């Protein structure tokens, strides 16, 4: 039986923040570039979670993580 993995909006934000901090993505890139860093099998659930929180895949990552989460060191 396949188990459904669910990502909370906070988990998605945390992952996006970490990817920005590591320099793998830029906060000005669209949210859809994050799909490269999540398992393909979970992307539909992630997309649904983003939509439930009024995020579009074309929105910038900075919109998702917010200015308080830019992870500037």
PDB file of N, CA and C in Angstrom:
ATOM      1  N   UNK A   1       0.829  -1.175   0.000  1.00  0.00           N
ATOM      2  CA  UNK A   1       0.000   0.000   0.000  1.00  0.00           C
ATOM      3  C   UNK A   1       0.883   1.251   0.000  1.00  0.00           C
ATOM      4  N   UNK A   2       0.578   2.208  -0.863  1.00  0.00           N
ATOM      5  CA  UNK A   2       1.329   3.452  -0.920  1.00  0.00           C
ATOM      6  C   UNK A   2       0.887   4.377   0.199  1.00  0.00           C
ATOM      7  N   UNK A   3       1.851   4.986   0.849  1.00  0.00           N
ATOM      8  CA  UNK A   3       1.518   5.944   1.891  1.00  0.00           C
ATOM      9  C   UNK A   3       1.561   7.344   1.294  1.00  0.00           C
ATOM     10  N   UNK A   4       0.619   8.142   1.683  1.00  0.00           N
ATOM     11  CA  UNK A   4       0.561   9.517   1.221  1.00  0.00           C
ATOM     12  C   UNK A   4       1.428  10.383   2.137  1.00  0.00           C
ATOM     13  N   UNK A   5       2.347  11.092   1.547  1.00  0.00           N
ATOM     14  CA  UNK A   5       3.191  12.003   2.301  1.00  0.00           C
ATOM     15  C   UNK A   5       2.585  13.386   2.167  1.00  0.00           C
ATOM     16  N   UNK A   6       2.417  14.056   3.296  1.00  0.00           N
ATOM     17  CA  UNK A   6       1.829  15.377   3.274  1.00  0.00           C
ATOM     18  C   UNK A   6       2.839  16.366   3.833  1.00  0.00           C
ATOM     19  N   UNK A   7       3.070  17.417   3.085  1.00  0.00           N
ATOM     20  CA  UNK A   7       3.955  18.479   3.533  1.00  0.00           C
ATOM     21  C   UNK A   7       3.100  19.638   4.018  1.00  0.00           C
ATOM     22  N   UNK A   8       3.401  20.130   5.198  1.00  0.00           N
ATOM     23  CA  UNK A   8       2.712  21.322   5.684  1.00  0.00           C
ATOM     24  C   UNK A   8       3.329  22.539   5.004  1.00  0.00           C
ATOM     25  N   UNK A   9       2.600  23.642   5.027  1.00  0.00           N
ATOM     26  CA  UNK A   9       3.131  24.868   4.436  1.00  0.00           C
ATOM     27  C   UNK A   9       4.413  25.284   5.155  1.00  0.00           C
ATOM     28  N   UNK A  10       4.487  25.036   6.471  1.00  0.00           N
ATOM     29  CA  UNK A  10       5.704  25.379   7.216  1.00  0.00           C
ATOM     30  C   UNK A  10       6.889  24.524   6.778  1.00  0.00           C
ATOM     31  N   UNK A  11       6.650  23.246   6.513  1.00  0.00           N
ATOM     32  CA  UNK A  11       7.729  22.366   6.048  1.00  0.00           C
ATOM     33  C   UNK A  11       8.211  22.799   4.662  1.00  0.00           C
ATOM     34  N   UNK A  12       7.278  23.198   3.813  1.00  0.00           N
ATOM     35  CA  UNK A  12       7.649  23.671   2.475  1.00  0.00           C
ATOM     36  C   UNK A  12       8.463  24.954   2.586  1.00  0.00           C
ATOM     37  N   UNK A  13       8.023  25.856   3.445  1.00  0.00           N
ATOM     38  CA  UNK A  13       8.762  27.114   3.665  1.00  0.00           C
ATOM     39  C   UNK A  13      10.167  26.835   4.191  1.00  0.00           C
ATOM     40  N   UNK A  14      10.254  25.927   5.164  1.00  0.00           N
ATOM     41  CA  UNK A  14      11.566  25.592   5.739  1.00  0.00           C
ATOM     42  C   UNK A  14      12.509  25.039   4.678  1.00  0.00           C
ATOM     43  N   UNK A  15      11.994  24.162   3.839  1.00  0.00           N
ATOM     44  CA  UNK A  15      12.820  23.588   2.777  1.00  0.00           C
ATOM     45  C   UNK A  15      13.239  24.662   1.782  1.00  0.00           C
ATOM     46  N   UNK A  16      12.310  25.526   1.408  1.00  0.00           N
ATOM     47  CA  UNK A  16      12.628  26.614   0.472  1.00  0.00           C
ATOM     48  C   UNK A  16      13.672  27.546   1.073  1.00  0.00           C
ATOM     49  N   UNK A  17      13.525  27.855   2.337  1.00  0.00           N
ATOM     50  CA  UNK A  17      14.487  28.723   3.022  1.00  0.00           C
ATOM     51  C   UNK A  17      15.877  28.094   3.024  1.00  0.00           C
ATOM     52  N   UNK A  18      15.940  26.820   3.302  1.00  0.00           N
ATOM     53  CA  UNK A  18      17.224  26.113   3.318  1.00  0.00           C
ATOM     54  C   UNK A  18      17.860  26.110   1.930  1.00  0.00           C
ATOM     55  N   UNK A  19      17.056  25.908   0.896  1.00  0.00           N
ATOM     56  CA  UNK A  19      17.581  25.918  -0.472  1.00  0.00           C
ATOM     57  C   UNK A  19      18.101  27.297  -0.857  1.00  0.00           C
ATOM     58  N   UNK A  20      17.425  28.347  -0.401  1.00  0.00           N
ATOM     59  CA  UNK A  20      17.907  29.719  -0.648  1.00  0.00           C
ATOM     60  C   UNK A  20      19.223  29.927   0.093  1.00  0.00           C
ATOM     61  N   UNK A  21      19.259  29.510   1.360  1.00  0.00           N
ATOM     62  CA  UNK A  21      20.475  29.677   2.170  1.00  0.00           C
ATOM     63  C   UNK A  21      21.666  28.968   1.544  1.00  0.00           C
ATOM     64  N   UNK A  22      21.430  27.790   0.973  1.00  0.00           N
ATOM     65  CA  UNK A  22      22.491  27.017   0.337  1.00  0.00           C
ATOM     66  C   UNK A  22      22.859  27.557  -1.038  1.00  0.00           C
ATOM     67  N   UNK A  23      22.085  28.492  -1.560  1.00  0.00           N
ATOM     68  CA  UNK A  23      22.354  29.054  -2.874  1.00  0.00           C
ATOM     69  C   UNK A  23      21.892  28.172  -4.024  1.00  0.00           C
ATOM     70  N   UNK A  24      21.084  27.174  -3.743  1.00  0.00           N
ATOM     71  CA  UNK A  24      20.594  26.279  -4.795  1.00  0.00           C
ATOM     72  C   UNK A  24      19.473  26.921  -5.598  1.00  0.00           C
ATOM     73  N   UNK A  25      18.710  27.794  -4.954  1.00  0.00           N
ATOM     74  CA  UNK A  25      17.674  28.569  -5.643  1.00  0.00           C
ATOM     75  C   UNK A  25      17.797  30.011  -5.182  1.00  0.00           C
ATOM     76  N   UNK A  26      17.270  30.908  -5.987  1.00  0.00           N
ATOM     77  CA  UNK A  26      17.246  32.322  -5.638  1.00  0.00           C
ATOM     78  C   UNK A  26      15.837  32.677  -5.211  1.00  0.00           C
ATOM     79  N   UNK A  27      15.720  33.524  -4.210  1.00  0.00           N
ATOM     80  CA  UNK A  27      14.378  33.861  -3.723  1.00  0.00           C
ATOM     81  C   UNK A  27      13.536  34.607  -4.745  1.00  0.00           C
ATOM     82  N   UNK A  28      14.155  35.088  -5.832  1.00  0.00           N
ATOM     83  CA  UNK A  28      13.401  35.771  -6.891  1.00  0.00           C
ATOM     84  C   UNK A  28      12.882  34.801  -7.953  1.00  0.00           C
ATOM     85  N   UNK A  29      13.266  33.535  -7.857  1.00  0.00           N
ATOM     86  CA  UNK A  29      12.793  32.529  -8.806  1.00  0.00           C
ATOM     87  C   UNK A  29      11.353  32.146  -8.468  1.00  0.00           C
ATOM     88  N   UNK A  30      10.624  31.641  -9.465  1.00  0.00           N
ATOM     89  CA  UNK A  30       9.248  31.195  -9.190  1.00  0.00           C
ATOM     90  C   UNK A  30       9.243  29.947  -8.316  1.00  0.00           C
ATOM     91  N   UNK A  31       8.171  29.786  -7.580  1.00  0.00           N
ATOM     92  CA  UNK A  31       8.024  28.652  -6.663  1.00  0.00           C
ATOM     93  C   UNK A  31       8.166  27.317  -7.383  1.00  0.00           C
ATOM     94  N   UNK A  32       7.749  27.248  -8.642  1.00  0.00           N
ATOM     95  CA  UNK A  32       7.776  25.947  -9.334  1.00  0.00           C
ATOM     96  C   UNK A  32       9.169  25.358  -9.462  1.00  0.00           C
ATOM     97  N   UNK A  33      10.235  26.159  -9.325  1.00  0.00           N
ATOM     98  CA  UNK A  33      11.582  25.573  -9.390  1.00  0.00           C
ATOM     99  C   UNK A  33      11.857  24.647  -8.205  1.00  0.00           C
ATOM    100  N   UNK A  34      11.073  24.776  -7.153  1.00  0.00           N
ATOM    101  CA  UNK A  34      11.259  23.907  -5.990  1.00  0.00           C
ATOM    102  C   UNK A  34      10.959  22.450  -6.308  1.00  0.00           C
ATOM    103  N   UNK A  35      10.191  22.203  -7.376  1.00  0.00           N
ATOM    104  CA  UNK A  35       9.831  20.817  -7.704  1.00  0.00           C
ATOM    105  C   UNK A  35      11.061  19.963  -7.971  1.00  0.00           C
ATOM    106  N   UNK A  36      12.175  20.583  -8.328  1.00  0.00           N
ATOM    107  CA  UNK A  36      13.420  19.832  -8.556  1.00  0.00           C
ATOM    108  C   UNK A  36      13.972  19.213  -7.274  1.00  0.00           C
ATOM    109  N   UNK A  37      13.557  19.756  -6.135  1.00  0.00           N
ATOM    110  CA  UNK A  37      14.148  19.374  -4.854  1.00  0.00           C
ATOM    111  C   UNK A  37      13.217  18.539  -3.978  1.00  0.00           C
ATOM    112  N   UNK A  38      12.033  18.264  -4.460  1.00  0.00           N
ATOM    113  CA  UNK A  38      11.090  17.399  -3.746  1.00  0.00           C
ATOM    114  C   UNK A  38      10.893  16.141  -4.571  1.00  0.00           C
ATOM    115  N   UNK A  39      10.605  15.018  -3.933  1.00  0.00           N
ATOM    116  CA  UNK A  39      10.326  13.788  -4.697  1.00  0.00           C
ATOM    117  C   UNK A  39       9.136  14.011  -5.638  1.00  0.00           C
ATOM    118  N   UNK A  40       9.249  13.507  -6.838  1.00  0.00           N
ATOM    119  CA  UNK A  40       8.195  13.654  -7.841  1.00  0.00           C
ATOM    120  C   UNK A  40       6.859  13.146  -7.316  1.00  0.00           C
ATOM    121  N   UNK A  41       6.908  12.080  -6.561  1.00  0.00           N
ATOM    122  CA  UNK A  41       5.670  11.478  -6.055  1.00  0.00           C
ATOM    123  C   UNK A  41       4.931  12.361  -5.057  1.00  0.00           C
ATOM    124  N   UNK A  42       5.597  13.365  -4.511  1.00  0.00           N
ATOM    125  CA  UNK A  42       4.958  14.233  -3.521  1.00  0.00           C
ATOM    126  C   UNK A  42       4.588  15.602  -4.075  1.00  0.00           C
ATOM    127  N   UNK A  43       4.991  15.904  -5.295  1.00  0.00           N
ATOM    128  CA  UNK A  43       4.795  17.259  -5.808  1.00  0.00           C
ATOM    129  C   UNK A  43       3.323  17.643  -5.910  1.00  0.00           C
ATOM    130  N   UNK A  44       2.452  16.719  -6.294  1.00  0.00           N
ATOM    131  CA  UNK A  44       1.023  17.043  -6.378  1.00  0.00           C
ATOM    132  C   UNK A  44       0.487  17.497  -5.021  1.00  0.00           C
ATOM    133  N   UNK A  45       0.871  16.814  -3.966  1.00  0.00           N
ATOM    134  CA  UNK A  45       0.423  17.183  -2.620  1.00  0.00           C
ATOM    135  C   UNK A  45       0.993  18.542  -2.211  1.00  0.00           C
ATOM    136  N   UNK A  46       2.238  18.790  -2.577  1.00  0.00           N
ATOM    137  CA  UNK A  46       2.862  20.079  -2.269  1.00  0.00           C
ATOM    138  C   UNK A  46       2.150  21.196  -3.011  1.00  0.00           C
ATOM    139  N   UNK A  47       1.864  20.959  -4.275  1.00  0.00           N
ATOM    140  CA  UNK A  47       1.153  21.949  -5.079  1.00  0.00           C
ATOM    141  C   UNK A  47      -0.222  22.252  -4.475  1.00  0.00           C
ATOM    142  N   UNK A  48      -0.924  21.238  -4.020  1.00  0.00           N
ATOM    143  CA  UNK A  48      -2.233  21.436  -3.385  1.00  0.00           C
ATOM    144  C   UNK A  48      -2.097  22.261  -2.103  1.00  0.00           C
ATOM    145  N   UNK A  49      -1.092  21.961  -1.313  1.00  0.00           N
ATOM    146  CA  UNK A  49      -0.861  22.704  -0.071  1.00  0.00           C
ATOM    147  C   UNK A  49      -0.572  24.175  -0.380  1.00  0.00           C
ATOM    148  N   UNK A  50       0.240  24.423  -1.386  1.00  0.00           N
ATOM    149  CA  UNK A  50       0.534  25.801  -1.778  1.00  0.00           C
ATOM    150  C   UNK A  50      -0.739  26.523  -2.219  1.00  0.00           C
ATOM    151  N   UNK A  51      -1.547  25.846  -3.022  1.00  0.00           N
ATOM    152  CA  UNK A  51      -2.798  26.449  -3.505  1.00  0.00           C
ATOM    153  C   UNK A  51      -3.754  26.743  -2.357  1.00  0.00           C
ATOM    154  N   UNK A  52      -3.798  25.868  -1.375  1.00  0.00           N
ATOM    155  CA  UNK A  52      -4.677  26.090  -0.215  1.00  0.00           C
ATOM    156  C   UNK A  52      -4.274  27.342   0.557  1.00  0.00           C
ATOM    157  N   UNK A  53      -3.016  27.730   0.428  1.00  0.00           N
ATOM    158  CA  UNK A  53      -2.512  28.922   1.114  1.00  0.00           C
ATOM    159  C   UNK A  53      -2.341  30.090   0.149  1.00  0.00           C
ATOM    160  N   UNK A  54      -3.039  29.990  -0.993  1.00  0.00           N
ATOM    161  CA  UNK A  54      -3.112  31.077  -1.985  1.00  0.00           C
ATOM    162  C   UNK A  54      -1.783  31.423  -2.648  1.00  0.00           C
ATOM    163  N   UNK A  55      -0.931  30.422  -2.823  1.00  0.00           N
ATOM    164  CA  UNK A  55       0.300  30.613  -3.577  1.00  0.00           C
ATOM    165  C   UNK A  55       0.137  30.031  -4.972  1.00  0.00           C
ATOM    166  N   UNK A  56       0.621  30.753  -5.960  1.00  0.00           N
ATOM    167  CA  UNK A  56       0.656  30.274  -7.335  1.00  0.00           C
ATOM    168  C   UNK A  56       2.069  29.816  -7.635  1.00  0.00           C
ATOM    169  N   UNK A  57       2.214  28.839  -8.508  1.00  0.00           N
ATOM    170  CA  UNK A  57       3.554  28.330  -8.832  1.00  0.00           C
ATOM    171  C   UNK A  57       4.420  29.383  -9.493  1.00  0.00           C
ATOM    172  N   UNK A  58       3.810  30.400 -10.079  1.00  0.00           N
ATOM    173  CA  UNK A  58       4.590  31.470 -10.705  1.00  0.00           C
ATOM    174  C   UNK A  58       5.011  32.560  -9.714  1.00  0.00           C
ATOM    175  N   UNK A  59       4.461  32.528  -8.483  1.00  0.00           N
ATOM    176  CA  UNK A  59       4.874  33.481  -7.450  1.00  0.00           C
ATOM    177  C   UNK A  59       6.345  33.267  -7.120  1.00  0.00           C
ATOM    178  N   UNK A  60       6.981  34.310  -6.647  1.00  0.00           N
ATOM    179  CA  UNK A  60       8.387  34.188  -6.282  1.00  0.00           C
ATOM    180  C   UNK A  60       8.542  33.437  -4.971  1.00  0.00           C
ATOM    181  N   UNK A  61       9.677  32.773  -4.838  1.00  0.00           N
ATOM    182  CA  UNK A  61       9.982  32.054  -3.608  1.00  0.00           C
ATOM    183  C   UNK A  61       9.960  33.016  -2.423  1.00  0.00           C
ATOM    184  N   UNK A  62      10.360  34.262  -2.633  1.00  0.00           N
ATOM    185  CA  UNK A  62      10.334  35.239  -1.547  1.00  0.00           C
ATOM    186  C   UNK A  62       8.923  35.458  -1.023  1.00  0.00           C
ATOM    187  N   UNK A  63       7.915  35.329  -1.887  1.00  0.00           N
ATOM    188  CA  UNK A  63       6.524  35.433  -1.431  1.00  0.00           C
ATOM    189  C   UNK A  63       6.189  34.292  -0.470  1.00  0.00           C
ATOM    190  N   UNK A  64       6.734  33.137  -0.747  1.00  0.00           N
ATOM    191  CA  UNK A  64       6.486  31.952   0.080  1.00  0.00           C
ATOM    192  C   UNK A  64       7.194  32.054   1.422  1.00  0.00           C
ATOM    193  N   UNK A  65       8.469  32.391   1.408  1.00  0.00           N
ATOM    194  CA  UNK A  65       9.232  32.370   2.652  1.00  0.00           C
ATOM    195  C   UNK A  65       9.108  33.670   3.430  1.00  0.00           C
ATOM    196  N   UNK A  66       8.685  34.751   2.778  1.00  0.00           N
ATOM    197  CA  UNK A  66       8.507  36.018   3.470  1.00  0.00           C
ATOM    198  C   UNK A  66       9.825  36.652   3.837  1.00  0.00           C
ATOM    199  N   UNK A  67       9.795  37.941   4.042  1.00  0.00           N
ATOM    200  CA  UNK A  67      11.035  38.671   4.318  1.00  0.00           C
ATOM    201  C   UNK A  67      11.641  38.274   5.649  1.00  0.00           C
ATOM    202  N   UNK A  68      10.820  37.828   6.614  1.00  0.00           N
ATOM    203  CA  UNK A  68      11.359  37.443   7.908  1.00  0.00           C
ATOM    204  C   UNK A  68      12.052  36.090   7.869  1.00  0.00           C
ATOM    205  N   UNK A  69      11.904  35.364   6.759  1.00  0.00           N
ATOM    206  CA  UNK A  69      12.511  34.028   6.635  1.00  0.00           C
ATOM    207  C   UNK A  69      13.566  33.975   5.524  1.00  0.00           C
ATOM    208  N   UNK A  70      14.162  35.090   5.210  1.00  0.00           N
ATOM    209  CA  UNK A  70      15.116  35.084   4.105  1.00  0.00           C
ATOM    210  C   UNK A  70      16.400  34.348   4.419  1.00  0.00           C
ATOM    211  N   UNK A  71      16.588  34.009   5.667  1.00  0.00           N
ATOM    212  CA  UNK A  71      17.734  33.190   6.083  1.00  0.00           C
ATOM    213  C   UNK A  71      19.060  33.857   5.780  1.00  0.00           C
ATOM    214  N   UNK A  72      19.097  35.137   5.926  1.00  0.00           N
ATOM    215  CA  UNK A  72      20.373  35.842   5.726  1.00  0.00           C
ATOM    216  C   UNK A  72      21.239  35.562   6.950  1.00  0.00           C
ATOM    217  N   UNK A  73      22.465  35.196   6.708  1.00  0.00           N
ATOM    218  CA  UNK A  73      23.371  34.926   7.836  1.00  0.00           C
ATOM    219  C   UNK A  73      24.116  36.180   8.225  1.00  0.00           C
TER     220      UNK A  73
END
